[in-house]
Amino acid sequence: MDKRKVITAYRRGMISIQECAQILGVDSSQIMGLMNDPQMSELPRVVQKQPMHG
């Protein structure tokens, strides 16, 4: 599983910090280092405008 998705799930409140650490296979104390890593933030999604059909 993509680490960014796991960290995003934690940040959105979907999983606990302990669950996040367990999924990533790291110690709970190490998880805070990953949270502060800018490369671990999920890339923003680009929403493209689509013409309305009607």
N, C-alpha and C. Protein backbone atom coordinates (compact mmCIF):
# COMPACT_ATOMS: atom_id res chain seq x y z
N MET A 1 0.85 -1.18 0.00
CA MET A 1 0.00 0.00 0.00
C MET A 1 0.89 1.24 0.00
N ASP A 2 0.46 2.26 -0.69
CA ASP A 2 1.20 3.51 -0.78
C ASP A 2 1.23 4.20 0.58
N LYS A 3 2.42 4.55 1.04
CA LYS A 3 2.58 5.19 2.34
C LYS A 3 1.81 6.50 2.42
N ARG A 4 1.79 7.23 1.31
CA ARG A 4 1.08 8.52 1.31
C ARG A 4 -0.41 8.34 1.58
N LYS A 5 -0.98 7.26 1.04
CA LYS A 5 -2.41 7.01 1.25
C LYS A 5 -2.70 6.65 2.70
N VAL A 6 -1.80 5.89 3.32
CA VAL A 6 -1.97 5.52 4.72
C VAL A 6 -1.89 6.77 5.60
N ILE A 7 -0.91 7.61 5.34
CA ILE A 7 -0.75 8.84 6.13
C ILE A 7 -1.93 9.77 5.92
N THR A 8 -2.42 9.85 4.69
CA THR A 8 -3.60 10.68 4.41
C THR A 8 -4.82 10.15 5.16
N ALA A 9 -4.97 8.83 5.22
CA ALA A 9 -6.08 8.23 5.96
C ALA A 9 -6.00 8.60 7.44
N TYR A 10 -4.79 8.60 7.99
CA TYR A 10 -4.62 9.01 9.39
C TYR A 10 -5.00 10.48 9.57
N ARG A 11 -4.50 11.32 8.68
CA ARG A 11 -4.77 12.77 8.79
C ARG A 11 -6.25 13.08 8.65
N ARG A 12 -6.98 12.27 7.92
CA ARG A 12 -8.43 12.47 7.76
C ARG A 12 -9.24 11.83 8.88
N GLY A 13 -8.54 11.15 9.79
CA GLY A 13 -9.23 10.56 10.93
C GLY A 13 -9.83 9.19 10.66
N MET A 14 -9.44 8.57 9.57
CA MET A 14 -10.00 7.28 9.21
C MET A 14 -9.35 6.14 9.99
N ILE A 15 -8.08 6.31 10.37
CA ILE A 15 -7.37 5.31 11.16
C ILE A 15 -6.61 6.01 12.28
N SER A 16 -6.27 5.26 13.32
CA SER A 16 -5.53 5.82 14.45
C SER A 16 -4.03 5.86 14.13
N ILE A 17 -3.28 6.57 14.95
CA ILE A 17 -1.83 6.64 14.77
C ILE A 17 -1.20 5.26 14.93
N GLN A 18 -1.75 4.45 15.84
CA GLN A 18 -1.23 3.10 16.04
C GLN A 18 -1.49 2.23 14.81
N GLU A 19 -2.69 2.36 14.24
CA GLU A 19 -3.01 1.60 13.03
C GLU A 19 -2.13 2.03 11.86
N CYS A 20 -1.89 3.32 11.77
CA CYS A 20 -1.04 3.86 10.72
C CYS A 20 0.36 3.28 10.84
N ALA A 21 0.92 3.28 12.03
CA ALA A 21 2.26 2.74 12.26
C ALA A 21 2.30 1.25 11.94
N GLN A 22 1.26 0.53 12.33
CA GLN A 22 1.22 -0.91 12.08
C GLN A 22 1.16 -1.21 10.59
N ILE A 23 0.35 -0.49 9.84
CA ILE A 23 0.24 -0.70 8.40
C ILE A 23 1.58 -0.41 7.71
N LEU A 24 2.24 0.66 8.17
CA LEU A 24 3.51 1.03 7.56
C LEU A 24 4.67 0.18 8.05
N GLY A 25 4.46 -0.56 9.13
CA GLY A 25 5.51 -1.41 9.67
C GLY A 25 6.59 -0.66 10.39
N VAL A 26 6.22 0.44 11.05
CA VAL A 26 7.17 1.22 11.81
C VAL A 26 6.70 1.35 13.25
N ASP A 27 7.61 1.77 14.11
CA ASP A 27 7.30 2.00 15.51
C ASP A 27 6.46 3.27 15.65
N SER A 28 5.60 3.32 16.64
CA SER A 28 4.75 4.49 16.84
C SER A 28 5.57 5.77 17.00
N SER A 29 6.77 5.65 17.58
CA SER A 29 7.60 6.85 17.75
C SER A 29 8.20 7.30 16.42
N GLN A 30 8.40 6.39 15.49
CA GLN A 30 8.97 6.74 14.19
C GLN A 30 7.94 7.37 13.26
N ILE A 31 6.69 7.16 13.55
CA ILE A 31 5.64 7.63 12.65
C ILE A 31 5.60 9.16 12.57
N MET A 32 5.96 9.83 13.65
CA MET A 32 5.93 11.29 13.64
C MET A 32 6.94 11.86 12.64
N GLY A 33 8.06 11.18 12.47
CA GLY A 33 9.03 11.61 11.46
C GLY A 33 8.45 11.52 10.06
N LEU A 34 7.68 10.47 9.82
CA LEU A 34 7.04 10.32 8.51
C LEU A 34 5.95 11.38 8.30
N MET A 35 5.26 11.73 9.38
CA MET A 35 4.19 12.72 9.27
C MET A 35 4.73 14.09 8.85
N ASN A 36 5.96 14.39 9.28
CA ASN A 36 6.55 15.69 8.99
C ASN A 36 7.32 15.71 7.67
N ASP A 37 7.43 14.56 7.01
CA ASP A 37 8.17 14.47 5.75
C ASP A 37 7.30 15.02 4.62
N PRO A 38 7.75 16.07 3.95
CA PRO A 38 6.94 16.65 2.87
C PRO A 38 6.70 15.67 1.71
N GLN A 39 7.57 14.70 1.51
CA GLN A 39 7.38 13.74 0.44
C GLN A 39 6.27 12.75 0.76
N MET A 40 5.85 12.68 2.01
CA MET A 40 4.81 11.73 2.41
C MET A 40 3.41 12.33 2.32
N SER A 41 3.32 13.61 1.94
CA SER A 41 1.98 14.18 1.80
C SER A 41 1.43 13.76 0.44
N GLU A 42 0.14 13.50 0.42
CA GLU A 42 -0.50 13.05 -0.81
C GLU A 42 -0.46 14.17 -1.84
N LEU A 43 -0.18 13.81 -3.07
CA LEU A 43 -0.15 14.79 -4.13
C LEU A 43 -1.56 15.33 -4.38
N PRO A 44 -1.67 16.63 -4.60
CA PRO A 44 -3.02 17.19 -4.84
C PRO A 44 -3.59 16.64 -6.14
N ARG A 45 -4.86 16.39 -6.11
CA ARG A 45 -5.54 15.88 -7.30
C ARG A 45 -6.03 17.05 -8.14
N VAL A 46 -5.84 16.93 -9.43
CA VAL A 46 -6.27 17.97 -10.35
C VAL A 46 -7.68 17.62 -10.81
N VAL A 47 -8.59 18.54 -10.59
CA VAL A 47 -9.96 18.35 -11.04
C VAL A 47 -10.14 19.14 -12.33
N GLN A 48 -10.47 18.42 -13.38
CA GLN A 48 -10.64 19.08 -14.66
C GLN A 48 -12.11 19.40 -14.87
N LYS A 49 -12.34 20.57 -15.42
CA LYS A 49 -13.72 20.97 -15.73
C LYS A 49 -14.20 20.18 -16.95
N GLN A 50 -15.42 19.72 -16.85
CA GLN A 50 -16.02 18.99 -17.96
C GLN A 50 -17.26 19.76 -18.42
N PRO A 51 -17.50 19.79 -19.71
CA PRO A 51 -18.69 20.51 -20.21
C PRO A 51 -19.96 19.83 -19.74
N MET A 52 -20.96 20.65 -19.49
CA MET A 52 -22.26 20.09 -19.06
C MET A 52 -23.02 19.62 -20.30
N HIS A 53 -23.63 18.47 -20.16
CA HIS A 53 -24.44 17.94 -21.26
C HIS A 53 -25.91 18.09 -20.86
N GLY A 54 -26.70 18.55 -21.75
CA GLY A 54 -28.08 18.67 -21.36
C GLY A 54 -28.98 19.09 -22.38
